[in-house]
Amino acid sequence: MSFGAFGGRRDIMELFDPTKPDHLPHAGTFNNNALTMAAGAVGYGEVYTPAAAKELNERGEKISPAADAICAREKVAFQFSGIGSMMTAHATAGPIKTAADIASSNLDARSCSTST
């Protein structure tokens, strides 16, 4: 579900206050999507709780080294980096210390398209 929002300094945002007779109108494709806002409030407040976030990040911290070990064991030139549940796959077996270290990784493995 989509949602759009914008914000700014109080003096500017007050210009858009619909309770004022001289307010500036603001139309938007994704404005006032009540279903999205309700789902977001429930998701963030009741589903993605601090305990759920902690568990998810702990799981991510275990998956990355496990995936690295599988790739090393199978001699696949891939490794993973990230923090918590956010991971990135790198098509290289060499050490990664800077962005330049992944610039020369396997371009075919990084491609999302196929050629015939």
N, C-alpha and C. Protein backbone atom coordinates (compact mmCIF):
# COMPACT_ATOMS: atom_id res chain seq x y z
N MET A 1 0.84 -1.17 0.00
CA MET A 1 0.00 0.00 0.00
C MET A 1 0.89 1.24 0.00
N SER A 2 0.50 2.22 -0.72
CA SER A 2 1.32 3.42 -0.81
C SER A 2 0.85 4.51 0.13
N PHE A 3 1.78 5.38 0.39
CA PHE A 3 1.48 6.53 1.23
C PHE A 3 2.44 7.65 0.85
N GLY A 4 1.93 8.86 0.84
CA GLY A 4 2.77 10.02 0.57
C GLY A 4 2.66 11.02 1.71
N ALA A 5 3.75 11.68 1.99
CA ALA A 5 3.74 12.69 3.06
C ALA A 5 4.79 13.74 2.74
N PHE A 6 4.59 14.91 3.28
CA PHE A 6 5.61 15.95 3.18
C PHE A 6 5.57 16.75 4.46
N GLY A 7 6.62 17.46 4.74
CA GLY A 7 6.68 18.25 5.96
C GLY A 7 7.67 19.39 5.82
N GLY A 8 7.70 20.22 6.82
CA GLY A 8 8.62 21.35 6.79
C GLY A 8 8.48 22.18 8.05
N ARG A 9 9.03 23.37 7.98
CA ARG A 9 8.95 24.28 9.13
C ARG A 9 7.49 24.58 9.45
N ARG A 10 7.23 24.82 10.73
CA ARG A 10 5.87 25.08 11.19
C ARG A 10 5.23 26.22 10.40
N ASP A 11 5.95 27.32 10.18
CA ASP A 11 5.34 28.47 9.50
C ASP A 11 4.93 28.14 8.06
N ILE A 12 5.66 27.25 7.43
CA ILE A 12 5.29 26.85 6.07
C ILE A 12 4.13 25.86 6.10
N MET A 13 4.21 24.88 6.99
CA MET A 13 3.16 23.86 7.06
C MET A 13 1.82 24.47 7.46
N GLU A 14 1.83 25.53 8.25
CA GLU A 14 0.58 26.18 8.65
C GLU A 14 -0.16 26.77 7.45
N LEU A 15 0.55 27.04 6.37
CA LEU A 15 -0.10 27.55 5.16
C LEU A 15 -1.05 26.51 4.56
N PHE A 16 -0.83 25.24 4.86
CA PHE A 16 -1.65 24.15 4.32
C PHE A 16 -2.74 23.69 5.29
N ASP A 17 -2.91 24.38 6.41
CA ASP A 17 -3.89 23.99 7.44
C ASP A 17 -5.31 24.17 6.90
N PRO A 18 -6.03 23.07 6.66
CA PRO A 18 -7.37 23.17 6.06
C PRO A 18 -8.40 23.80 6.98
N THR A 19 -8.07 24.04 8.25
CA THR A 19 -9.03 24.71 9.13
C THR A 19 -9.00 26.21 8.96
N LYS A 20 -8.03 26.71 8.19
CA LYS A 20 -7.95 28.16 7.92
C LYS A 20 -8.59 28.47 6.58
N PRO A 21 -9.38 29.55 6.51
CA PRO A 21 -10.11 29.83 5.27
C PRO A 21 -9.20 30.15 4.08
N ASP A 22 -8.01 30.65 4.33
CA ASP A 22 -7.12 31.02 3.21
C ASP A 22 -6.01 29.99 3.01
N HIS A 23 -6.25 28.74 3.43
CA HIS A 23 -5.20 27.71 3.33
C HIS A 23 -4.87 27.37 1.88
N LEU A 24 -3.67 26.87 1.69
CA LEU A 24 -3.24 26.38 0.37
C LEU A 24 -3.70 24.94 0.24
N PRO A 25 -4.31 24.61 -0.87
CA PRO A 25 -4.72 23.21 -1.05
C PRO A 25 -3.50 22.34 -1.35
N HIS A 26 -3.59 21.10 -0.99
CA HIS A 26 -2.52 20.16 -1.31
C HIS A 26 -3.15 18.86 -1.78
N ALA A 27 -2.99 18.58 -3.06
CA ALA A 27 -3.52 17.34 -3.62
C ALA A 27 -2.35 16.38 -3.81
N GLY A 28 -2.62 15.12 -3.67
CA GLY A 28 -1.57 14.13 -3.87
C GLY A 28 -2.15 12.76 -4.12
N THR A 29 -1.50 12.01 -4.96
CA THR A 29 -1.98 10.68 -5.33
C THR A 29 -2.13 9.77 -4.13
N PHE A 30 -1.20 9.85 -3.19
CA PHE A 30 -1.18 8.91 -2.07
C PHE A 30 -1.64 9.53 -0.76
N ASN A 31 -2.21 10.71 -0.81
CA ASN A 31 -2.66 11.37 0.42
C ASN A 31 -3.84 10.62 1.03
N ASN A 32 -3.91 10.67 2.34
CA ASN A 32 -5.06 10.19 3.10
C ASN A 32 -5.38 8.73 2.85
N ASN A 33 -4.36 7.89 2.77
CA ASN A 33 -4.60 6.46 2.62
C ASN A 33 -4.74 5.89 4.03
N ALA A 34 -5.95 5.91 4.54
CA ALA A 34 -6.22 5.49 5.92
C ALA A 34 -5.86 4.03 6.17
N LEU A 35 -6.04 3.17 5.19
CA LEU A 35 -5.70 1.76 5.36
C LEU A 35 -4.20 1.59 5.55
N THR A 36 -3.41 2.31 4.77
CA THR A 36 -1.96 2.23 4.92
C THR A 36 -1.54 2.73 6.30
N MET A 37 -2.12 3.82 6.74
CA MET A 37 -1.74 4.37 8.05
C MET A 37 -2.14 3.43 9.18
N ALA A 38 -3.31 2.81 9.07
CA ALA A 38 -3.75 1.87 10.10
C ALA A 38 -2.84 0.65 10.13
N ALA A 39 -2.51 0.12 8.96
CA ALA A 39 -1.62 -1.04 8.90
C ALA A 39 -0.23 -0.69 9.44
N GLY A 40 0.25 0.49 9.11
CA GLY A 40 1.56 0.91 9.61
C GLY A 40 1.58 1.05 11.12
N ALA A 41 0.53 1.63 11.67
CA ALA A 41 0.46 1.81 13.12
C ALA A 41 0.41 0.47 13.84
N VAL A 42 -0.36 -0.47 13.31
CA VAL A 42 -0.44 -1.79 13.92
C VAL A 42 0.89 -2.54 13.73
N GLY A 43 1.40 -2.48 12.52
CA GLY A 43 2.66 -3.17 12.23
C GLY A 43 3.80 -2.69 13.10
N TYR A 44 3.93 -1.40 13.22
CA TYR A 44 5.05 -0.85 13.99
C TYR A 44 4.80 -0.93 15.48
N GLY A 45 3.56 -0.84 15.90
CA GLY A 45 3.29 -0.84 17.33
C GLY A 45 3.02 -2.20 17.93
N GLU A 46 2.48 -3.12 17.12
CA GLU A 46 2.09 -4.41 17.68
C GLU A 46 2.83 -5.60 17.08
N VAL A 47 3.29 -5.49 15.84
CA VAL A 47 3.97 -6.61 15.20
C VAL A 47 5.49 -6.44 15.29
N TYR A 48 5.98 -5.33 14.82
CA TYR A 48 7.43 -5.07 14.85
C TYR A 48 7.76 -4.35 16.16
N THR A 49 7.73 -5.11 17.22
CA THR A 49 7.99 -4.59 18.56
C THR A 49 9.51 -4.55 18.80
N PRO A 50 9.96 -3.88 19.84
CA PRO A 50 11.40 -3.92 20.15
C PRO A 50 11.92 -5.36 20.29
N ALA A 51 11.13 -6.25 20.89
CA ALA A 51 11.56 -7.65 21.03
C ALA A 51 11.66 -8.33 19.67
N ALA A 52 10.70 -8.06 18.77
CA ALA A 52 10.74 -8.64 17.43
C ALA A 52 11.94 -8.11 16.65
N ALA A 53 12.23 -6.82 16.78
CA ALA A 53 13.39 -6.23 16.10
C ALA A 53 14.68 -6.86 16.60
N LYS A 54 14.79 -7.05 17.91
CA LYS A 54 15.98 -7.67 18.49
C LYS A 54 16.16 -9.08 17.95
N GLU A 55 15.08 -9.87 17.93
CA GLU A 55 15.15 -11.23 17.42
C GLU A 55 15.52 -11.26 15.94
N LEU A 56 14.93 -10.38 15.15
CA LEU A 56 15.22 -10.33 13.72
C LEU A 56 16.69 -9.98 13.48
N ASN A 57 17.21 -9.00 14.20
CA ASN A 57 18.60 -8.61 14.03
C ASN A 57 19.56 -9.70 14.51
N GLU A 58 19.22 -10.38 15.58
CA GLU A 58 20.05 -11.50 16.04
C GLU A 58 20.10 -12.61 15.01
N ARG A 59 18.94 -12.88 14.40
CA ARG A 59 18.89 -13.89 13.34
C ARG A 59 19.77 -13.49 12.16
N GLY A 60 19.70 -12.21 11.78
CA GLY A 60 20.54 -11.73 10.68
C GLY A 60 22.01 -11.84 10.99
N GLU A 61 22.40 -11.57 12.23
CA GLU A 61 23.80 -11.67 12.62
C GLU A 61 24.30 -13.12 12.54
N LYS A 62 23.40 -14.09 12.67
CA LYS A 62 23.79 -15.50 12.56
C LYS A 62 23.79 -15.98 11.11
N ILE A 63 22.87 -15.47 10.31
CA ILE A 63 22.74 -15.93 8.93
C ILE A 63 23.95 -15.52 8.09
N SER A 64 24.42 -14.30 8.23
CA SER A 64 25.52 -13.82 7.41
C SER A 64 26.77 -14.69 7.52
N PRO A 65 27.30 -14.96 8.72
CA PRO A 65 28.47 -15.83 8.79
C PRO A 65 28.19 -17.26 8.35
N ALA A 66 26.96 -17.74 8.57
CA ALA A 66 26.61 -19.09 8.12
C ALA A 66 26.63 -19.16 6.59
N ALA A 67 26.08 -18.13 5.94
CA ALA A 67 26.10 -18.09 4.47
C ALA A 67 27.53 -17.97 3.96
N ASP A 68 28.36 -17.17 4.62
CA ASP A 68 29.78 -17.06 4.25
C ASP A 68 30.45 -18.43 4.33
N ALA A 69 30.17 -19.18 5.39
CA ALA A 69 30.79 -20.50 5.58
C ALA A 69 30.35 -21.48 4.48
N ILE A 70 29.07 -21.42 4.11
CA ILE A 70 28.58 -22.30 3.04
C ILE A 70 29.27 -21.95 1.73
N CYS A 71 29.38 -20.67 1.43
CA CYS A 71 30.03 -20.25 0.18
C CYS A 71 31.50 -20.67 0.18
N ALA A 72 32.18 -20.51 1.29
CA ALA A 72 33.59 -20.90 1.38
C ALA A 72 33.73 -22.42 1.20
N ARG A 73 32.88 -23.18 1.88
CA ARG A 73 32.93 -24.65 1.80
C ARG A 73 32.68 -25.14 0.37
N GLU A 74 31.74 -24.49 -0.31
CA GLU A 74 31.37 -24.89 -1.68
C GLU A 74 32.23 -24.20 -2.74
N LYS A 75 33.19 -23.41 -2.29
CA LYS A 75 34.09 -22.67 -3.19
C LYS A 75 33.33 -21.76 -4.16
N VAL A 76 32.33 -21.07 -3.60
CA VAL A 76 31.53 -20.11 -4.36
C VAL A 76 32.03 -18.72 -3.97
N ALA A 77 32.38 -17.92 -4.96
CA ALA A 77 32.95 -16.59 -4.70
C ALA A 77 31.86 -15.58 -4.33
N PHE A 78 31.26 -15.79 -3.17
CA PHE A 78 30.26 -14.87 -2.63
C PHE A 78 30.52 -14.71 -1.15
N GLN A 79 30.21 -13.52 -0.64
CA GLN A 79 30.24 -13.30 0.79
C GLN A 79 29.23 -12.21 1.12
N PHE A 80 28.92 -12.12 2.39
CA PHE A 80 27.84 -11.25 2.83
C PHE A 80 28.33 -10.26 3.87
N SER A 81 27.79 -9.05 3.80
CA SER A 81 28.11 -8.04 4.80
C SER A 81 26.80 -7.40 5.23
N GLY A 82 26.84 -6.72 6.35
CA GLY A 82 25.65 -6.03 6.80
C GLY A 82 25.62 -5.86 8.30
N ILE A 83 24.51 -5.35 8.76
CA ILE A 83 24.30 -5.13 10.19
C ILE A 83 22.91 -5.66 10.52
N GLY A 84 22.84 -6.50 11.53
CA GLY A 84 21.54 -7.02 11.93
C GLY A 84 20.88 -7.78 10.81
N SER A 85 19.65 -7.42 10.48
CA SER A 85 18.90 -8.12 9.45
C SER A 85 19.13 -7.56 8.04
N MET A 86 19.93 -6.53 7.92
CA MET A 86 20.21 -5.95 6.60
C MET A 86 21.51 -6.55 6.07
N MET A 87 21.41 -7.25 4.95
CA MET A 87 22.58 -7.90 4.37
C MET A 87 22.70 -7.57 2.90
N THR A 88 23.94 -7.63 2.43
CA THR A 88 24.22 -7.47 1.02
C THR A 88 25.13 -8.61 0.58
N ALA A 89 24.81 -9.20 -0.56
CA ALA A 89 25.64 -10.26 -1.12
C ALA A 89 26.68 -9.63 -2.04
N HIS A 90 27.90 -10.08 -1.92
CA HIS A 90 29.00 -9.58 -2.76
C HIS A 90 29.58 -10.74 -3.54
N ALA A 91 29.67 -10.58 -4.85
CA ALA A 91 30.18 -11.64 -5.73
C ALA A 91 31.70 -11.59 -5.79
N THR A 92 32.32 -11.82 -4.65
CA THR A 92 33.77 -11.85 -4.57
C THR A 92 34.18 -12.71 -3.38
N ALA A 93 35.35 -13.33 -3.48
CA ALA A 93 35.86 -14.12 -2.36
C ALA A 93 36.94 -13.36 -1.60
N GLY A 94 37.42 -12.28 -2.19
CA GLY A 94 38.50 -11.51 -1.56
C GLY A 94 38.01 -10.70 -0.38
N PRO A 95 38.95 -10.22 0.43
CA PRO A 95 38.55 -9.41 1.59
C PRO A 95 37.88 -8.11 1.15
N ILE A 96 36.89 -7.68 1.91
CA ILE A 96 36.19 -6.44 1.63
C ILE A 96 36.46 -5.47 2.77
N LYS A 97 37.21 -4.43 2.44
CA LYS A 97 37.50 -3.40 3.44
C LYS A 97 37.02 -2.03 2.98
N THR A 98 36.92 -1.86 1.64
CA THR A 98 36.45 -0.60 1.07
C THR A 98 35.51 -0.89 -0.09
N ALA A 99 34.83 0.13 -0.58
CA ALA A 99 33.94 -0.04 -1.73
C ALA A 99 34.72 -0.48 -2.96
N ALA A 100 35.96 -0.07 -3.07
CA ALA A 100 36.79 -0.47 -4.22
C ALA A 100 36.99 -1.98 -4.27
N ASP A 101 36.95 -2.63 -3.11
CA ASP A 101 37.16 -4.07 -3.06
C ASP A 101 36.03 -4.85 -3.74
N ILE A 102 34.86 -4.27 -3.83
CA ILE A 102 33.76 -4.96 -4.50
C ILE A 102 33.55 -4.48 -5.94
N ALA A 103 34.25 -3.41 -6.32
CA ALA A 103 34.09 -2.87 -7.67
C ALA A 103 34.54 -3.87 -8.72
N SER A 104 35.49 -4.74 -8.38
CA SER A 104 35.99 -5.71 -9.35
C SER A 104 35.35 -7.08 -9.17
N SER A 105 34.24 -7.14 -8.47
CA SER A 105 33.57 -8.43 -8.26
C SER A 105 32.97 -8.94 -9.56
N ASN A 106 32.50 -10.15 -9.55
CA ASN A 106 31.97 -10.82 -10.73
C ASN A 106 30.74 -10.07 -11.25
N LEU A 107 30.89 -9.39 -12.39
CA LEU A 107 29.80 -8.58 -12.94
C LEU A 107 28.63 -9.44 -13.39
N ASP A 108 28.89 -10.65 -13.90
CA ASP A 108 27.80 -11.53 -14.32
C ASP A 108 26.94 -11.92 -13.14
N ALA A 109 27.57 -12.18 -12.00
CA ALA A 109 26.84 -12.58 -10.80
C ALA A 109 26.02 -11.43 -10.25
N ARG A 110 26.48 -10.20 -10.48
CA ARG A 110 25.76 -9.03 -9.98
C ARG A 110 24.61 -8.63 -10.88
N SER A 111 24.58 -9.11 -12.09
CA SER A 111 23.57 -8.72 -13.07
C SER A 111 22.22 -9.32 -12.73
N CYS A 112 21.17 -8.53 -12.91
CA CYS A 112 19.81 -9.02 -12.69
C CYS A 112 19.17 -9.45 -14.00
N SER A 113 19.88 -9.26 -15.09
CA SER A 113 19.30 -9.63 -16.38
C SER A 113 20.02 -10.86 -16.94
N THR A 114 19.36 -11.50 -17.89
CA THR A 114 19.97 -12.64 -18.55
C THR A 114 20.12 -12.33 -20.02
N SER A 115 21.07 -12.94 -20.64
CA SER A 115 21.25 -12.72 -22.08
C SER A 115 21.09 -14.05 -22.79
N THR A 116 20.67 -13.98 -24.05
CA THR A 116 20.49 -15.21 -24.82
C THR A 116 21.43 -15.23 -25.96
